[in-house]
Amino acid sequence: MAQKARKDRAKSNAEALKNLHLGTLIVNTWFVLANIIFKRRSLWLYVLLSIPAFICEYILETTGRPKYDASTKALKTAGEDLNASGLTEYMWDIIWVTWASVVAVIFFGNGGWILWLAVPVFAVIKGWGLLGAARNMAGGMQQQQDAADPPAPTGNRKQRRAA
């Protein structure tokens, strides 16, 4: 049963990576052709803002690609789940926002790169939430420490003896 799950994940990952590479090829080819044929767009911004998407694509490729034995063609590893939530999901989001930005630049000019601002804004929002959660955890630990410590005696030694 576990072998079937690994095979299903390998098949799913291979399909997702094929679609990812095909989408990247189509979007970037459109940009280059539109840049050559129609109107010039900023190549500097294109390269700068496409680098994070290319890095995410490389990471998804290296971690999600199923690996097979060369001689027996047996599945060695199915790769990480590319449908997982968390960091994998954020990498997909960065790629999709970059594609949308490139398409916006093709149709609307260099102002389309403003759409890419969603990536750092979202990162700041998530980081702020994590920072708040860390502060709450640290505050909770401080309260637990304070509750564990006995209260400090009040007054001087002579007053405490008299009581």
Protein backbone atom coordinates (compact mmCIF):
# COMPACT_ATOMS: atom_id res chain seq x y z
CA MET A 1 0.00 0.00 0.00
CA ALA A 2 2.82 2.42 0.83
CA GLN A 3 4.45 1.67 -2.52
CA LYS A 4 1.24 2.74 -4.30
CA ALA A 5 1.22 6.05 -2.42
CA ARG A 6 4.85 6.66 -3.39
CA LYS A 7 4.07 5.89 -7.03
CA ASP A 8 1.06 8.21 -6.97
CA ARG A 9 3.15 11.02 -5.48
CA ALA A 10 5.92 10.42 -8.03
CA LYS A 11 3.39 10.59 -10.86
CA SER A 12 1.77 13.72 -9.42
CA ASN A 13 5.13 15.44 -8.90
CA ALA A 14 6.34 14.60 -12.41
CA GLU A 15 3.14 16.06 -13.89
CA ALA A 16 3.33 19.19 -11.73
CA LEU A 17 6.97 19.76 -12.68
CA LYS A 18 6.19 19.25 -16.37
CA ASN A 19 3.44 21.88 -16.15
CA LEU A 20 5.71 24.20 -14.17
CA HIS A 21 8.48 24.08 -16.76
CA LEU A 22 6.02 24.41 -19.64
CA GLY A 23 4.40 27.46 -18.01
CA THR A 24 7.77 29.06 -17.39
CA LEU A 25 8.81 28.44 -20.98
CA ILE A 26 5.59 29.92 -22.39
CA VAL A 27 5.51 33.04 -20.19
CA ASN A 28 9.19 33.87 -20.64
CA THR A 29 9.11 33.20 -24.40
CA TRP A 30 6.11 35.53 -24.72
CA PHE A 31 8.02 38.22 -22.84
CA VAL A 32 11.13 37.92 -24.99
CA LEU A 33 9.12 37.89 -28.23
CA ALA A 34 6.97 40.84 -27.15
CA ASN A 35 10.10 42.70 -26.12
CA ILE A 36 11.74 42.11 -29.50
CA ILE A 37 8.71 42.52 -31.78
CA PHE A 38 6.55 45.15 -30.12
CA LYS A 39 7.75 47.54 -27.47
CA ARG A 40 10.83 47.45 -25.31
CA ARG A 41 10.31 46.63 -21.67
CA SER A 42 12.84 46.85 -18.87
CA LEU A 43 15.09 43.80 -19.15
CA TRP A 44 16.83 44.77 -15.93
CA LEU A 45 13.56 44.56 -13.95
CA TYR A 46 12.63 41.36 -15.78
CA VAL A 47 15.86 39.64 -14.77
CA LEU A 48 15.85 41.03 -11.22
CA LEU A 49 12.25 40.09 -10.46
CA SER A 50 12.37 36.73 -12.25
CA ILE A 51 15.35 35.47 -10.23
CA PRO A 52 13.23 34.51 -7.17
CA ALA A 53 10.84 32.53 -9.39
CA PHE A 54 13.73 30.74 -11.08
CA ILE A 55 15.25 29.91 -7.69
CA CYS A 56 11.90 28.58 -6.44
CA GLU A 57 11.50 26.54 -9.63
CA TYR A 58 14.97 25.06 -9.16
CA ILE A 59 14.23 24.15 -5.53
CA LEU A 60 10.91 22.56 -6.47
CA GLU A 61 12.65 20.62 -9.24
CA THR A 62 15.45 19.28 -7.05
CA THR A 63 13.24 18.35 -4.11
CA GLY A 64 10.15 17.16 -5.96
CA ARG A 65 11.55 15.25 -8.94
CA PRO A 66 11.09 11.48 -8.54
CA LYS A 67 14.30 9.47 -8.82
CA TYR A 68 14.49 6.07 -10.48
CA ASP A 69 17.15 3.36 -10.47
CA ALA A 70 19.05 3.52 -13.77
CA SER A 71 19.29 -0.21 -14.34
CA THR A 72 15.97 -1.55 -13.01
CA LYS A 73 13.84 1.59 -13.55
CA ALA A 74 12.46 1.05 -10.05
CA LEU A 75 11.33 4.06 -8.05
CA LYS A 76 14.02 5.07 -5.53
CA THR A 77 12.42 8.21 -4.11
CA ALA A 78 9.14 9.88 -4.98
CA GLY A 79 10.40 13.34 -4.06
CA GLU A 80 8.87 15.76 -1.60
CA ASP A 81 5.16 16.43 -1.89
CA LEU A 82 4.75 19.44 -4.19
CA ASN A 83 1.18 19.95 -2.95
CA ALA A 84 2.33 20.43 0.64
CA SER A 85 1.41 23.54 2.54
CA GLY A 86 3.93 25.90 4.05
CA LEU A 87 7.14 26.83 2.28
CA THR A 88 6.35 24.74 -0.81
CA GLU A 89 3.06 26.57 -1.18
CA TYR A 90 4.81 29.96 -0.85
CA MET A 91 7.28 28.99 -3.59
CA TRP A 92 4.40 28.17 -5.93
CA ASP A 93 2.82 31.53 -5.05
CA ILE A 94 6.04 33.39 -5.89
CA ILE A 95 6.19 31.65 -9.26
CA TRP A 96 2.54 32.41 -10.08
CA VAL A 97 2.81 36.06 -9.02
CA THR A 98 5.94 36.41 -11.17
CA TRP A 99 4.15 34.89 -14.16
CA ALA A 100 1.19 37.24 -13.65
CA SER A 101 3.58 40.19 -13.39
CA VAL A 102 5.36 39.22 -16.60
CA VAL A 103 2.03 38.93 -18.44
CA ALA A 104 0.95 42.31 -17.00
CA VAL A 105 4.22 43.84 -18.22
CA ILE A 106 3.66 42.40 -21.71
CA PHE A 107 0.20 43.98 -21.97
CA PHE A 108 0.44 47.11 -19.80
CA GLY A 109 4.12 48.09 -19.80
CA ASN A 110 6.66 48.31 -17.01
CA GLY A 111 3.93 49.38 -14.56
CA GLY A 112 2.88 45.74 -14.47
CA TRP A 113 5.81 45.01 -12.18
CA ILE A 114 3.85 46.69 -9.37
CA LEU A 115 1.84 43.47 -9.16
CA TRP A 116 5.05 41.75 -8.01
CA LEU A 117 4.96 43.88 -4.84
CA ALA A 118 2.49 41.33 -3.50
CA VAL A 119 5.43 39.01 -2.75
CA PRO A 120 7.37 41.21 -0.28
CA VAL A 121 4.15 42.63 1.21
CA PHE A 122 2.90 39.12 1.92
CA ALA A 123 6.32 38.20 3.37
CA VAL A 124 6.20 41.20 5.72
CA ILE A 125 2.67 40.32 6.83
CA LYS A 126 3.64 36.70 7.51
CA GLY A 127 6.87 37.76 9.24
CA TRP A 128 4.98 40.21 11.45
CA GLY A 129 2.57 37.44 12.42
CA LEU A 130 5.44 35.09 13.26
CA LEU A 131 7.16 37.81 15.27
CA GLY A 132 3.94 38.42 17.23
CA ALA A 133 3.56 34.70 17.86
CA ALA A 134 7.16 34.49 19.07
CA ARG A 135 6.59 37.42 21.42
CA ASN A 136 3.46 35.78 22.82
CA MET A 137 5.35 32.54 23.38
CA ALA A 138 8.20 34.38 25.10
CA GLY A 139 5.69 36.30 27.23
CA GLY A 140 3.95 33.08 28.20
CA MET A 141 7.26 31.51 29.20
CA GLN A 142 8.07 34.60 31.32
CA GLN A 143 4.70 34.33 33.08
CA GLN A 144 5.30 30.64 33.78
CA GLN A 145 8.70 31.48 35.24
CA ASP A 146 7.20 34.21 37.41
CA ALA A 147 4.50 31.82 38.67
CA ALA A 148 7.11 29.21 39.56
CA ASP A 149 9.24 31.63 41.62
CA PRO A 150 8.05 32.20 45.21
CA PRO A 151 7.07 35.78 45.96
CA ALA A 152 9.87 37.87 47.39
CA PRO A 153 9.49 38.57 51.13
CA THR A 154 8.50 42.11 52.01
CA GLY A 155 10.09 44.25 54.69
CA ASN A 156 13.46 43.79 56.38
CA ARG A 157 14.65 40.81 58.37
CA LYS A 158 13.62 42.21 61.76
CA GLN A 159 10.06 42.86 60.58
CA ARG A 160 9.78 39.36 59.14
CA ARG A 161 10.95 37.79 62.43
CA ALA A 162 8.43 39.80 64.42
CA ALA A 163 5.58 38.57 62.25
